[in-house]
Protein backbone atom coordinates (compact mmCIF):
# COMPACT_ATOMS: atom_id res chain seq x y z
CA UNK A 1 18.43 27.50 -17.23
CA UNK A 2 16.89 24.89 -19.48
CA UNK A 3 17.89 21.47 -18.24
CA UNK A 4 20.42 19.90 -20.65
CA UNK A 5 19.30 17.28 -23.10
CA UNK A 6 21.48 14.17 -23.21
CA UNK A 7 23.25 15.37 -26.36
CA UNK A 8 23.14 19.11 -25.81
CA UNK A 9 24.55 20.37 -22.50
CA UNK A 10 23.81 23.96 -21.47
CA UNK A 11 26.20 26.35 -19.71
CA UNK A 12 23.61 29.03 -18.95
CA UNK A 13 22.95 30.08 -15.36
CA UNK A 14 19.61 29.66 -13.56
CA UNK A 15 17.64 32.90 -13.66
CA UNK A 16 17.44 34.97 -10.49
CA UNK A 17 15.11 37.67 -9.27
CA UNK A 18 14.35 38.58 -5.65
CA UNK A 19 10.85 38.17 -4.24
CA UNK A 20 8.91 38.58 -1.02
CA UNK A 21 9.87 35.09 0.14
CA UNK A 22 13.49 36.19 -0.05
CA UNK A 23 12.76 37.42 3.47
CA UNK A 24 13.36 33.80 4.44
CA UNK A 25 16.80 33.99 2.84
CA UNK A 26 17.63 37.03 4.97
CA UNK A 27 16.99 34.96 8.10
CA UNK A 28 18.28 31.52 7.02
CA UNK A 29 21.81 30.61 5.97
CA UNK A 30 21.83 29.01 2.51
CA UNK A 31 25.49 28.03 2.43
CA UNK A 32 25.08 24.28 1.95
CA UNK A 33 22.68 21.55 0.88
CA UNK A 34 19.85 21.49 3.40
CA UNK A 35 17.90 18.64 1.82
CA UNK A 36 19.69 16.08 -0.34
CA UNK A 37 16.33 14.37 -0.92
CA UNK A 38 12.79 15.73 -1.15
CA UNK A 39 11.04 14.92 2.11
CA UNK A 40 7.52 15.24 0.72
CA UNK A 41 5.64 12.37 -0.88
CA UNK A 42 5.55 13.01 -4.63
CA UNK A 43 2.62 10.60 -5.07
CA UNK A 44 0.39 13.25 -3.49
CA UNK A 45 1.57 15.85 -6.01
CA UNK A 46 0.91 13.55 -8.96
CA UNK A 47 -2.62 12.84 -7.74
CA UNK A 48 -3.48 16.44 -6.89
CA UNK A 49 -1.73 18.45 -9.64
CA UNK A 50 -2.34 15.93 -12.47
CA UNK A 51 0.77 16.81 -14.54
CA UNK A 52 0.47 16.20 -18.28
CA UNK A 53 1.69 17.59 -21.61
CA UNK A 54 0.39 21.11 -22.10
CA UNK A 55 0.32 21.90 -18.40
CA UNK A 56 2.73 24.28 -16.68
CA UNK A 57 3.77 23.71 -13.06
CA UNK A 58 5.73 25.97 -10.73
CA UNK A 59 7.59 23.89 -8.17
CA UNK A 60 9.87 24.54 -5.22
CA UNK A 61 13.03 22.74 -6.28
CA UNK A 62 14.54 21.40 -3.04
CA UNK A 63 16.68 18.43 -4.15
CA UNK A 64 14.71 18.05 -7.36
CA UNK A 65 12.99 14.69 -6.83
CA UNK A 66 9.41 15.96 -6.84
CA UNK A 67 9.94 18.51 -9.60
CA UNK A 68 11.41 15.77 -11.79
CA UNK A 69 8.55 13.39 -10.99
CA UNK A 70 6.11 16.08 -12.16
CA UNK A 71 8.26 16.67 -15.25
CA UNK A 72 8.23 12.97 -16.13
CA UNK A 73 4.51 13.20 -16.96
CA UNK A 74 5.23 15.72 -19.71
CA UNK A 75 4.36 18.97 -17.96
CA UNK A 76 6.54 22.04 -18.34
CA UNK A 77 8.13 22.61 -14.92
CA UNK A 78 9.77 25.70 -13.49
CA UNK A 79 11.73 24.67 -10.38
CA UNK A 80 12.63 27.59 -8.11
CA UNK A 81 14.76 27.76 -4.98
CA UNK A 82 16.40 30.43 -2.85
CA UNK A 83 19.37 28.13 -2.22
CA UNK A 84 21.75 27.68 -5.18
CA UNK A 85 23.06 24.47 -3.59
CA UNK A 86 19.61 22.92 -4.04
CA UNK A 87 19.55 23.91 -7.70
CA UNK A 88 22.96 22.28 -8.09
CA UNK A 89 21.36 19.06 -6.77
CA UNK A 90 18.68 19.25 -9.45
CA UNK A 91 21.19 19.87 -12.22
CA UNK A 92 23.36 16.94 -11.23
CA UNK A 93 20.37 14.61 -11.09
CA UNK A 94 19.31 15.63 -14.59
CA UNK A 95 22.85 15.32 -15.96
CA UNK A 96 23.23 11.81 -14.52
CA UNK A 97 19.80 10.56 -15.60
CA UNK A 98 20.03 11.90 -19.15
CA UNK A 99 23.57 10.62 -19.66
CA UNK A 100 23.55 7.15 -18.08
CA UNK A 101 21.21 4.20 -17.76
CA UNK A 102 19.00 3.73 -14.71
CA UNK A 103 21.31 1.53 -12.64
CA UNK A 104 24.43 3.60 -13.26
CA UNK A 105 22.77 6.96 -12.65
CA UNK A 106 21.14 5.82 -9.41
CA UNK A 107 24.38 4.25 -8.20
CA UNK A 108 26.26 7.47 -8.91
CA UNK A 109 23.67 9.48 -6.96
CA UNK A 110 24.06 7.18 -3.95
CA UNK A 111 21.23 4.66 -4.09
CA UNK A 112 23.62 1.71 -4.41
CA UNK A 113 27.39 1.15 -4.10
CA UNK A 114 29.60 2.78 -6.72
CA UNK A 115 33.39 2.88 -6.93
CA UNK A 116 33.63 5.37 -9.80
CA UNK A 117 31.75 8.43 -8.58
CA UNK A 118 34.67 10.84 -8.95
CA UNK A 119 35.38 9.67 -12.49
CA UNK A 120 31.69 9.77 -13.37
CA UNK A 121 31.38 13.32 -12.09
CA UNK A 122 34.37 14.34 -14.21
CA UNK A 123 32.46 13.13 -17.26
CA UNK A 124 29.29 14.98 -16.23
CA UNK A 125 30.61 18.34 -15.03
CA UNK A 126 30.62 20.01 -18.45
CA UNK A 127 26.89 19.41 -18.67
CA UNK A 128 26.32 21.66 -15.64
CA UNK A 129 25.92 25.41 -15.45
CA UNK A 130 29.01 27.31 -14.18
CA UNK A 131 27.46 27.84 -10.74
CA UNK A 132 26.51 24.18 -10.30
CA UNK A 133 29.90 23.08 -11.58
CA UNK A 134 31.67 25.37 -9.11
CA UNK A 135 29.55 24.05 -6.26
CA UNK A 136 30.25 20.39 -6.97
CA UNK A 137 33.92 21.03 -7.74
CA UNK A 138 34.24 22.40 -4.20
CA UNK A 139 32.39 19.46 -2.59
CA UNK A 140 34.12 16.30 -3.86
CA UNK A 141 33.40 14.51 -0.57
CA UNK A 142 29.65 14.73 -1.20
CA UNK A 143 30.13 13.37 -4.72
CA UNK A 144 32.20 10.51 -3.32
CA UNK A 145 29.66 9.48 -0.67
CA UNK A 146 26.69 9.84 -3.02
CA UNK A 147 24.86 13.14 -3.27
CA UNK A 148 21.59 11.85 -1.77
CA UNK A 149 23.43 11.54 1.56
CA UNK A 150 24.96 15.04 1.54
CA UNK A 151 22.35 17.31 3.15
CA UNK A 152 22.07 18.79 6.62
CA UNK A 153 18.76 17.01 7.15
CA UNK A 154 20.32 13.69 6.14
CA UNK A 155 23.19 14.38 8.57
CA UNK A 156 20.59 14.83 11.29
CA UNK A 157 19.08 11.42 10.62
CA UNK A 158 22.57 9.89 10.48
CA UNK A 159 23.26 11.25 13.95
CA UNK A 160 19.97 9.76 15.14
CA UNK A 161 20.81 6.32 13.72
CA UNK A 162 24.33 6.21 15.10
CA UNK A 163 23.96 7.83 18.50
CA UNK A 164 20.34 7.29 19.52
CA UNK A 165 18.83 4.25 17.81
CA UNK A 166 21.30 1.69 19.27
CA UNK A 167 20.12 2.76 22.72
CA UNK A 168 16.46 2.37 21.73
CA UNK A 169 16.25 -0.79 19.63
CA UNK A 170 18.59 -3.51 18.42
CA UNK A 171 19.13 -4.39 14.79
CA UNK A 172 16.82 -7.39 15.10
CA UNK A 173 13.88 -5.22 16.19
CA UNK A 174 14.52 -2.72 13.39
CA UNK A 175 14.69 -5.56 10.85
CA UNK A 176 11.37 -6.92 12.13
CA UNK A 177 9.78 -3.55 11.46
CA UNK A 178 10.05 -4.17 7.71
CA UNK A 179 8.01 -7.38 7.76
CA UNK A 180 4.69 -6.95 5.90
CA UNK A 181 1.80 -6.84 8.40
CA UNK A 182 -1.80 -5.76 8.43
CA UNK A 183 -2.86 -2.73 10.46
CA UNK A 184 -3.80 -4.71 13.56
CA UNK A 185 -0.47 -6.52 13.58
CA UNK A 186 1.43 -3.26 13.10
CA UNK A 187 -0.33 -1.72 16.11
CA UNK A 188 0.48 -4.79 18.17
CA UNK A 189 4.16 -4.69 17.15
CA UNK A 190 4.35 -0.99 17.95
CA UNK A 191 2.88 -1.37 21.42
CA UNK A 192 4.75 -4.55 22.37
CA UNK A 193 8.15 -4.07 20.75
CA UNK A 194 8.68 -0.48 19.69
CA UNK A 195 6.97 2.02 21.98
CA UNK A 196 9.16 1.62 25.06
CA UNK A 197 10.14 4.26 27.61
CA UNK A 198 13.52 4.91 25.99
CA UNK A 199 11.86 5.54 22.61
CA UNK A 200 9.47 8.13 24.03
CA UNK A 201 12.14 9.87 26.12
CA UNK A 202 14.81 10.01 23.41
CA UNK A 203 12.26 11.13 20.85
CA UNK A 204 11.20 14.09 22.95
CA UNK A 205 14.83 15.15 23.37
CA UNK A 206 16.18 14.50 19.88
CA UNK A 207 13.15 15.90 18.04
CA UNK A 208 12.70 18.89 20.29
CA UNK A 209 12.47 22.36 18.80
CA UNK A 210 15.87 23.28 20.25
CA UNK A 211 17.77 20.25 18.99
CA UNK A 212 16.13 20.07 15.58
CA UNK A 213 16.80 23.76 15.03
CA UNK A 214 20.51 23.28 15.57
CA UNK A 215 21.18 19.86 14.11
CA UNK A 216 18.45 19.39 11.48
CA UNK A 217 16.45 22.36 10.26
CA UNK A 218 17.35 26.02 10.69
CA UNK A 219 15.99 27.56 13.94
CA UNK A 220 14.19 30.19 11.83
CA UNK A 221 11.98 27.46 10.39
CA UNK A 222 10.35 27.18 13.83
CA UNK A 223 9.63 30.89 14.27
CA UNK A 224 5.85 30.51 13.97
CA UNK A 225 5.53 27.10 15.69
CA UNK A 226 3.52 26.93 18.90
CA UNK A 227 3.45 24.04 21.38
CA UNK A 228 5.60 20.92 21.59
CA UNK A 229 7.37 19.98 18.37
CA UNK A 230 8.43 16.54 19.67
CA UNK A 231 4.95 15.50 20.83
CA UNK A 232 3.43 16.29 17.45
CA UNK A 233 6.09 14.39 15.51
CA UNK A 234 5.85 11.46 17.92
CA UNK A 235 2.13 11.25 17.18
CA UNK A 236 2.82 11.23 13.45
CA UNK A 237 5.44 8.49 13.92
CA UNK A 238 2.84 6.37 15.69
CA UNK A 239 0.57 6.89 12.69
CA UNK A 240 3.31 5.91 10.23
CA UNK A 241 4.28 2.76 12.14
CA UNK A 242 0.71 1.52 12.56
CA UNK A 243 -1.64 2.98 9.95
CA UNK A 244 0.74 2.91 6.96
CA UNK A 245 2.70 0.02 5.51
CA UNK A 246 6.18 0.15 6.99
CA UNK A 247 7.93 -2.23 4.60
CA UNK A 248 7.25 -0.05 1.53
CA UNK A 249 7.81 3.40 3.05
CA UNK A 250 10.98 4.96 1.55
CA UNK A 251 11.10 7.88 4.00
CA UNK A 252 10.87 5.67 7.06
CA UNK A 253 13.39 3.25 5.56
CA UNK A 254 16.01 5.95 5.01
CA UNK A 255 15.53 7.54 8.43
CA UNK A 256 16.10 4.25 10.25
CA UNK A 257 18.66 2.58 7.96
CA UNK A 258 20.38 5.32 5.93
CA UNK A 259 19.42 3.57 2.70
CA UNK A 260 16.46 3.27 0.38
CA UNK A 261 17.23 -0.39 -0.32
CA UNK A 262 13.96 -2.27 -0.25
CA UNK A 263 11.77 0.84 -0.57
CA UNK A 264 12.91 3.14 -3.35
CA UNK A 265 11.33 6.60 -3.85
CA UNK A 266 8.73 6.83 -6.60
CA UNK A 267 10.83 9.16 -8.74
CA UNK A 268 13.46 6.42 -9.23
CA UNK A 269 11.07 4.00 -10.95
CA UNK A 270 12.11 3.10 -14.53
CA UNK A 271 9.05 4.70 -16.14
CA UNK A 272 9.67 7.95 -14.25
CA UNK A 273 13.35 8.07 -15.21
CA UNK A 274 12.36 7.44 -18.83
CA UNK A 275 9.94 10.37 -18.63
CA UNK A 276 12.64 12.63 -17.18
CA UNK A 277 14.92 11.80 -20.10
CA UNK A 278 12.14 12.38 -22.61
CA UNK A 279 11.04 15.74 -21.22
CA UNK A 280 14.28 17.13 -19.79
CA UNK A 281 14.12 20.15 -22.07
CA UNK A 282 10.83 21.19 -20.42
CA UNK A 283 12.57 21.93 -17.11
CA UNK A 284 13.64 25.46 -16.19
CA UNK A 285 15.59 26.30 -13.02
CA UNK A 286 15.10 29.62 -11.26
CA UNK A 287 17.28 31.02 -8.46
CA UNK A 288 15.01 33.10 -6.28
CA UNK A 289 11.64 33.23 -4.57
CA UNK A 290 8.69 31.27 -5.86
CA UNK A 291 6.66 34.44 -6.51
CA UNK A 292 9.55 35.97 -8.46
CA UNK A 293 9.60 32.85 -10.63
CA UNK A 294 5.86 33.24 -11.19
CA UNK A 295 6.33 36.84 -12.34
CA UNK A 296 8.83 35.74 -14.96
CA UNK A 297 6.14 33.72 -16.71
CA UNK A 298 3.68 35.38 -19.06
CA UNK A 299 1.75 32.15 -19.66
CA UNK A 300 0.73 31.40 -16.08
CA UNK A 301 0.61 28.02 -14.35
CA UNK A 302 -1.80 25.12 -13.95
CA UNK A 303 -0.21 23.80 -10.77
CA UNK A 304 1.97 24.90 -7.86
CA UNK A 305 4.08 22.58 -5.71
CA UNK A 306 4.75 24.80 -2.71
CA UNK A 307 6.28 22.33 -0.23
CA UNK A 308 5.64 23.74 3.27
CA UNK A 309 6.72 27.29 2.44
CA UNK A 310 3.80 29.03 4.16
CA UNK A 311 4.72 27.93 7.67
CA UNK A 312 8.03 29.79 7.44
CA UNK A 313 6.19 33.09 6.97
CA UNK A 314 4.06 35.35 9.14
CA UNK A 315 0.29 35.21 8.38
CA UNK A 316 0.36 38.55 6.55
CA UNK A 317 3.30 37.45 4.42
CA UNK A 318 1.52 34.17 3.63
CA UNK A 319 -1.54 36.07 2.43
CA UNK A 320 0.61 38.35 0.28
CA UNK A 321 2.53 35.44 -1.26
CA UNK A 322 -0.65 33.44 -1.85
CA UNK A 323 -2.19 36.40 -3.68
CA UNK A 324 0.89 36.88 -5.85
CA UNK A 325 0.74 33.24 -6.93
CA UNK A 326 -2.97 33.50 -7.71
CA UNK A 327 -2.19 36.39 -10.04
CA UNK A 328 -0.25 33.91 -12.20
CA UNK A 329 -2.65 30.98 -11.93
CA UNK A 330 -4.66 29.77 -14.89
CA UNK A 331 -8.34 28.87 -14.58
CA UNK A 332 -8.66 25.65 -12.61
CA UNK A 333 -5.06 25.81 -11.37
CA UNK A 334 -4.28 23.98 -8.13
CA UNK A 335 -1.98 24.93 -5.28
CA UNK A 336 -0.59 21.98 -3.29
CA UNK A 337 1.28 22.47 -0.03
CA UNK A 338 2.02 20.84 3.31
CA UNK A 339 1.69 21.88 6.94
CA UNK A 340 4.18 20.36 9.32
CA UNK A 341 3.93 22.28 12.58
CA UNK A 342 2.13 25.53 11.67
CA UNK A 343 -1.48 25.47 10.40
CA UNK A 344 -1.72 27.33 7.12
CA UNK A 345 -4.51 27.30 4.53
CA UNK A 346 -6.20 29.44 1.93
CA UNK A 347 -6.52 32.96 3.40
CA UNK A 348 -10.09 34.12 3.87
CA UNK A 349 -9.34 37.05 1.56
CA UNK A 350 -9.24 34.70 -1.44
CA UNK A 351 -12.18 32.40 -0.67
CA UNK A 352 -14.14 34.01 -3.50
CA UNK A 353 -11.41 33.00 -5.97
CA UNK A 354 -10.29 29.66 -4.56
CA UNK A 355 -11.98 26.46 -3.39
CA UNK A 356 -10.08 24.32 -0.85
CA UNK A 357 -10.48 20.70 -1.98
CA UNK A 358 -10.98 19.25 1.47
CA UNK A 359 -11.90 15.70 0.48
CA UNK A 360 -8.97 15.32 -1.90
CA UNK A 361 -6.62 16.87 0.65
CA UNK A 362 -7.69 14.48 3.39
CA UNK A 363 -7.54 11.41 1.15
CA UNK A 364 -4.02 12.31 0.10
CA UNK A 365 -2.84 13.08 3.61
CA UNK A 366 -4.21 9.78 4.92
CA UNK A 367 -1.67 7.93 2.76
CA UNK A 368 1.21 10.41 3.01
CA UNK A 369 4.32 8.29 3.54
CA UNK A 370 6.30 11.41 4.52
CA UNK A 371 4.51 11.00 7.80
CA UNK A 372 5.82 13.96 9.81
CA UNK A 373 3.47 16.46 8.13
CA UNK A 374 0.27 17.35 9.98
CA UNK A 375 -1.73 18.23 6.85
CA UNK A 376 -1.66 18.29 3.06
CA UNK A 377 -3.75 20.93 1.33
CA UNK A 378 -4.98 21.34 -2.23
CA UNK A 379 -6.74 24.56 -3.29
CA UNK A 380 -8.31 25.06 -6.72
CA UNK A 381 -8.77 28.36 -8.55
CA UNK A 382 -12.32 28.89 -9.75
C-alpha cells in the first residue's frame, strides 16, 4: 500500500507474502499492538544507513516511528511487519501527520492532551486501508487514550510505574533524575539515591524472563536467550542512568513517567514531520516477513533496518534469512540491527561478501538511548 498523500487517500491493502521469518508468526500471537512506539533509537539508523533521495530502504515497521524517520530524509522505504496491527499504527501516523499540523497530529497520537480524538479519527478513517480502518474501528479505547499508549509493551511499563516504582522511589527522587548533570554527578546520584536494595530486588523480579514473557514481550522472544535476563538489563540501566544524559532520553522518560514531555522522540521534530509529509508517497507497507518483502522488489535495497529480528530465530534460520536479504542488497548496502539478549552478527558464511563495520557499530551503541540493547551492529556489502 502506498502511504496516502494529504490530498489523495488510498484504500488499497498492504501487500502480503509469507516468508521464512513467518515461522515467528507461527509461534507468537499477533492479535494486538505489541509496540505502540518503536523502542530502538532512530538516530543510530540515520547515522548508519544514511537515508537520502535515490536510496531504497527495507525496514521492519513496528509502530512506524523509525521507518518514517528514514522516509523523512527522502529515501524510498518499504516497511514490513508480520503483525497487521503494527501496520495499522503506521497508517494512522501517516494519515494524522499528512492531514494536520504538527501540534494537532501529535496531540491526536497521544503526545499531549486532546479532547477530540474520536472526532479526529472519524475525519481520518477514510484515508486508511480497509484492514487498518477495521482495526481502529474495533479499538476506539486505544484511539481515545492516544495510540502511542496502546501497546502490550507500553502496558508493561505502565504496570511497572503504578505497582513497582512507588515502592522503589518517591516522585521527588524521580523528578531529580531529570536534572542535567555531568557523568560524575550522574554516577554519584545513582549510587547515593537510586541504586538501593529495593531497586535491585524489584528489578530482578519484574524484569525476569518469566515475568517479561507474560506481561511484556511474548515468551517465544526469549527462546534463544541464555543466562539471567534481569541482570543484563539491570547493567544496561546502570549505563543509561550514568553514562548517558538522563534529562534528554525519551525512552527513559516514557518508561518512568508514561509521557514524552520534556524529551520527545527524534521522529516528532518539526523538520522530520515536514519530511514525512513531503515524501509520504515513497512509503510502501508490506504485510509479511522481511525477506518476502525483499523478494517483491526488483530494484534491491541500499539499507535494511532489521530491529532485533535475528535473536528470535535459531542460528541456522538467521543465516538463511541473512543470505536472502543479501540477495536483494545493492553494492555498498548496509544492514543495521540490534542485539538485546542473544548475540547475533554476520554469519561466517558471508564474510567474503560483507564487512562488519565494528567502529561505527560501537560508536553508535555507545550513545544508544534505547539503553536495554546489548549491541548495535552495522554490516556493509562489498
